[in-house]
């Protein structure tokens, strides 16, 4: 698919959009993936983002443990609350 090919997305009554399959395949977007929606002067830009797993996040936090005064339990509570 060339970058200048036009595809249409459909918006449902709930505000959900369906990304055309050719674009999902090209950008490897699968069910459950998270997309960042960025407003611009030209419209909305969607960008697939990779969020770290809880284990990856825990490893990162443990690496910084000496720099902050939080326990892993405190951080896990914040993460789980944010993911709600």
N, C-alpha and C. Protein backbone atom coordinates (compact mmCIF):
# COMPACT_ATOMS: atom_id res chain seq x y z
N UNK A 1 0.84 -1.18 0.00
CA UNK A 1 0.00 0.00 0.00
C UNK A 1 0.89 1.24 0.00
N UNK A 2 0.70 2.10 -0.94
CA UNK A 2 1.48 3.34 -1.04
C UNK A 2 1.01 4.32 0.03
N UNK A 3 1.93 5.16 0.49
CA UNK A 3 1.59 6.09 1.57
C UNK A 3 0.56 7.13 1.15
N UNK A 4 0.34 7.33 -0.14
CA UNK A 4 -0.65 8.31 -0.56
C UNK A 4 -1.99 7.67 -0.94
N UNK A 5 -2.13 6.34 -0.74
CA UNK A 5 -3.42 5.69 -0.94
C UNK A 5 -4.37 6.16 0.16
N UNK A 6 -5.62 6.39 -0.20
CA UNK A 6 -6.60 6.89 0.75
C UNK A 6 -7.47 5.74 1.24
N UNK A 7 -7.66 5.67 2.54
CA UNK A 7 -8.55 4.69 3.16
C UNK A 7 -9.54 5.46 4.02
N UNK A 8 -10.74 4.93 4.16
CA UNK A 8 -11.75 5.57 4.98
C UNK A 8 -11.96 4.78 6.27
N UNK A 9 -12.07 5.50 7.37
CA UNK A 9 -12.40 4.90 8.65
C UNK A 9 -13.84 5.29 8.97
N UNK A 10 -14.55 4.42 9.66
CA UNK A 10 -15.94 4.66 10.01
C UNK A 10 -16.06 4.93 11.50
N UNK A 11 -16.86 5.94 11.86
CA UNK A 11 -17.10 6.28 13.26
C UNK A 11 -18.47 5.76 13.65
N UNK A 12 -18.54 5.04 14.78
CA UNK A 12 -19.82 4.52 15.26
C UNK A 12 -20.53 5.57 16.11
N UNK A 13 -21.75 5.26 16.52
CA UNK A 13 -22.52 6.18 17.37
C UNK A 13 -21.86 6.37 18.73
N UNK A 14 -20.99 5.44 19.13
CA UNK A 14 -20.28 5.55 20.40
C UNK A 14 -18.94 6.27 20.25
N UNK A 15 -18.62 6.74 19.05
CA UNK A 15 -17.37 7.45 18.82
C UNK A 15 -16.20 6.54 18.54
N UNK A 16 -16.45 5.25 18.40
CA UNK A 16 -15.38 4.30 18.08
C UNK A 16 -15.12 4.35 16.58
N UNK A 17 -13.86 4.10 16.20
CA UNK A 17 -13.54 4.08 14.77
C UNK A 17 -13.06 2.69 14.36
N UNK A 18 -13.32 2.38 13.11
CA UNK A 18 -12.80 1.15 12.52
C UNK A 18 -11.69 1.54 11.57
N UNK A 19 -10.49 1.06 11.86
CA UNK A 19 -9.34 1.33 11.00
C UNK A 19 -9.35 0.29 9.89
N UNK A 20 -9.25 0.70 8.63
CA UNK A 20 -9.27 -0.26 7.53
C UNK A 20 -8.20 -1.35 7.69
N UNK A 21 -8.55 -2.56 7.29
CA UNK A 21 -7.66 -3.71 7.50
C UNK A 21 -6.29 -3.53 6.85
N UNK A 22 -6.24 -2.90 5.69
CA UNK A 22 -4.94 -2.70 5.03
C UNK A 22 -4.00 -1.85 5.90
N UNK A 23 -4.57 -0.84 6.57
CA UNK A 23 -3.75 0.00 7.45
C UNK A 23 -3.39 -0.74 8.73
N UNK A 24 -4.33 -1.55 9.27
CA UNK A 24 -4.01 -2.34 10.47
C UNK A 24 -2.88 -3.30 10.18
N UNK A 25 -2.91 -3.92 9.01
CA UNK A 25 -1.84 -4.85 8.63
C UNK A 25 -0.52 -4.11 8.43
N UNK A 26 -0.55 -2.99 7.72
CA UNK A 26 0.67 -2.24 7.42
C UNK A 26 1.36 -1.77 8.70
N UNK A 27 0.57 -1.33 9.68
CA UNK A 27 1.14 -0.79 10.91
C UNK A 27 1.09 -1.78 12.07
N UNK A 28 0.77 -3.03 11.75
CA UNK A 28 0.74 -4.12 12.74
C UNK A 28 -0.08 -3.74 13.97
N UNK A 29 -1.30 -3.24 13.73
CA UNK A 29 -2.22 -2.89 14.79
C UNK A 29 -3.16 -4.07 15.01
N UNK A 30 -3.18 -4.57 16.23
CA UNK A 30 -4.03 -5.72 16.54
C UNK A 30 -4.95 -5.39 17.72
N UNK A 31 -5.92 -6.25 17.96
CA UNK A 31 -6.87 -6.04 19.04
C UNK A 31 -6.14 -5.82 20.36
N UNK A 32 -6.57 -4.80 21.07
CA UNK A 32 -5.97 -4.49 22.36
C UNK A 32 -4.82 -3.51 22.30
N UNK A 33 -4.30 -3.23 21.10
CA UNK A 33 -3.22 -2.25 20.99
C UNK A 33 -3.74 -0.89 21.41
N UNK A 34 -2.85 -0.05 21.91
CA UNK A 34 -3.19 1.30 22.34
C UNK A 34 -2.70 2.28 21.28
N UNK A 35 -3.55 3.26 20.97
CA UNK A 35 -3.19 4.31 20.02
C UNK A 35 -3.26 5.65 20.72
N UNK A 36 -2.25 6.46 20.50
CA UNK A 36 -2.21 7.81 21.01
C UNK A 36 -2.94 8.70 20.00
N UNK A 37 -3.91 9.50 20.45
CA UNK A 37 -4.64 10.41 19.58
C UNK A 37 -4.12 11.82 19.82
N UNK A 38 -3.51 12.41 18.79
CA UNK A 38 -2.88 13.72 18.93
C UNK A 38 -3.61 14.73 18.04
N UNK A 39 -4.21 15.77 18.64
CA UNK A 39 -4.85 16.79 17.82
C UNK A 39 -3.81 17.68 17.16
N UNK A 40 -4.01 17.98 15.88
CA UNK A 40 -3.12 18.89 15.16
C UNK A 40 -3.98 19.91 14.44
N UNK A 41 -3.35 20.89 13.83
CA UNK A 41 -4.12 21.89 13.09
C UNK A 41 -4.78 21.29 11.85
N UNK A 42 -4.32 20.11 11.42
CA UNK A 42 -4.87 19.46 10.23
C UNK A 42 -5.86 18.35 10.54
N UNK A 43 -5.99 17.99 11.81
CA UNK A 43 -6.89 16.91 12.21
C UNK A 43 -6.28 16.08 13.32
N UNK A 44 -6.71 14.84 13.42
CA UNK A 44 -6.24 13.95 14.49
C UNK A 44 -5.23 12.97 13.90
N UNK A 45 -4.11 12.81 14.58
CA UNK A 45 -3.09 11.84 14.19
C UNK A 45 -3.13 10.70 15.20
N UNK A 46 -3.20 9.45 14.71
CA UNK A 46 -3.17 8.27 15.58
C UNK A 46 -1.79 7.65 15.49
N UNK A 47 -1.23 7.28 16.65
CA UNK A 47 0.09 6.66 16.69
C UNK A 47 0.02 5.47 17.63
N UNK A 48 0.43 4.30 17.12
CA UNK A 48 0.47 3.10 17.95
C UNK A 48 1.57 3.29 18.99
N UNK A 49 1.25 2.96 20.24
CA UNK A 49 2.25 3.05 21.30
C UNK A 49 2.40 1.69 21.96
N UNK A 50 3.59 1.43 22.41
CA UNK A 50 3.90 0.19 23.10
C UNK A 50 4.06 0.50 24.58
N UNK A 51 3.13 0.05 25.38
CA UNK A 51 3.22 0.24 26.82
C UNK A 51 3.97 -0.95 27.41
N UNK A 52 4.83 -0.70 28.38
CA UNK A 52 5.56 -1.81 28.99
C UNK A 52 4.61 -2.68 29.81
N UNK A 53 4.91 -3.96 29.89
CA UNK A 53 4.13 -4.85 30.74
C UNK A 53 4.40 -4.47 32.20
N UNK A 54 3.60 -5.00 33.10
CA UNK A 54 3.79 -4.72 34.53
C UNK A 54 5.19 -5.18 34.95
N UNK A 55 5.62 -6.34 34.43
CA UNK A 55 6.94 -6.86 34.79
C UNK A 55 8.05 -5.94 34.29
N UNK A 56 7.93 -5.46 33.03
CA UNK A 56 8.95 -4.55 32.49
C UNK A 56 8.99 -3.25 33.29
N UNK A 57 7.80 -2.76 33.64
CA UNK A 57 7.72 -1.53 34.41
C UNK A 57 8.34 -1.72 35.79
N UNK A 58 8.05 -2.87 36.42
CA UNK A 58 8.61 -3.17 37.73
C UNK A 58 10.13 -3.18 37.66
N UNK A 59 10.68 -3.82 36.62
CA UNK A 59 12.14 -3.87 36.46
C UNK A 59 12.74 -2.47 36.32
N UNK A 60 12.07 -1.62 35.56
CA UNK A 60 12.56 -0.25 35.40
C UNK A 60 12.54 0.50 36.73
N UNK A 61 11.44 0.33 37.47
CA UNK A 61 11.31 1.03 38.75
C UNK A 61 12.35 0.52 39.74
N UNK A 62 12.54 -0.78 39.77
CA UNK A 62 13.54 -1.34 40.70
C UNK A 62 14.93 -0.78 40.40
N UNK A 63 15.21 -0.51 39.12
CA UNK A 63 16.49 0.06 38.74
C UNK A 63 16.67 1.48 39.25
N UNK A 64 15.55 2.16 39.52
CA UNK A 64 15.60 3.54 40.02
C UNK A 64 15.30 3.63 41.51
N UNK A 65 15.18 2.49 42.17
CA UNK A 65 14.73 2.45 43.56
C UNK A 65 15.55 3.35 44.48
N UNK A 66 16.84 3.48 44.24
CA UNK A 66 17.67 4.32 45.10
C UNK A 66 17.41 5.80 44.93
N UNK A 67 16.77 6.19 43.84
CA UNK A 67 16.53 7.60 43.55
C UNK A 67 15.24 8.15 44.14
N UNK A 68 14.31 7.26 44.55
CA UNK A 68 13.01 7.72 45.06
C UNK A 68 12.67 6.98 46.35
N UNK A 69 11.75 7.54 47.08
CA UNK A 69 11.36 6.95 48.36
C UNK A 69 9.99 6.27 48.23
N UNK A 70 9.86 5.30 47.31
CA UNK A 70 8.63 4.54 47.09
C UNK A 70 8.96 3.06 47.07
N UNK A 71 8.05 2.27 47.59
CA UNK A 71 8.24 0.81 47.50
C UNK A 71 7.64 0.32 46.19
N UNK A 72 8.00 -0.90 45.81
CA UNK A 72 7.41 -1.50 44.62
C UNK A 72 5.90 -1.60 44.79
N UNK A 73 5.45 -1.92 45.99
CA UNK A 73 4.01 -1.98 46.26
C UNK A 73 3.31 -0.65 46.01
N UNK A 74 3.96 0.45 46.42
CA UNK A 74 3.40 1.78 46.17
C UNK A 74 3.25 2.03 44.68
N UNK A 75 4.27 1.68 43.93
CA UNK A 75 4.26 1.90 42.48
C UNK A 75 3.20 1.01 41.83
N UNK A 76 3.12 -0.26 42.25
CA UNK A 76 2.11 -1.16 41.68
C UNK A 76 0.70 -0.63 41.95
N UNK A 77 0.48 -0.10 43.15
CA UNK A 77 -0.83 0.48 43.47
C UNK A 77 -1.17 1.62 42.53
N UNK A 78 -0.21 2.50 42.28
CA UNK A 78 -0.43 3.64 41.39
C UNK A 78 -0.72 3.15 39.97
N UNK A 79 0.06 2.19 39.50
CA UNK A 79 -0.12 1.66 38.13
C UNK A 79 -1.49 1.02 37.99
N UNK A 80 -1.88 0.18 38.93
CA UNK A 80 -3.17 -0.50 38.84
C UNK A 80 -4.33 0.49 38.95
N UNK A 81 -4.18 1.51 39.78
CA UNK A 81 -5.20 2.54 39.90
C UNK A 81 -5.33 3.32 38.59
N UNK A 82 -4.20 3.63 37.96
CA UNK A 82 -4.22 4.39 36.71
C UNK A 82 -4.83 3.58 35.57
N UNK A 83 -4.55 2.27 35.55
CA UNK A 83 -5.09 1.41 34.49
C UNK A 83 -6.57 1.13 34.71
N UNK A 84 -7.04 1.34 35.94
CA UNK A 84 -8.41 1.20 36.34
C UNK A 84 -9.19 0.24 35.58
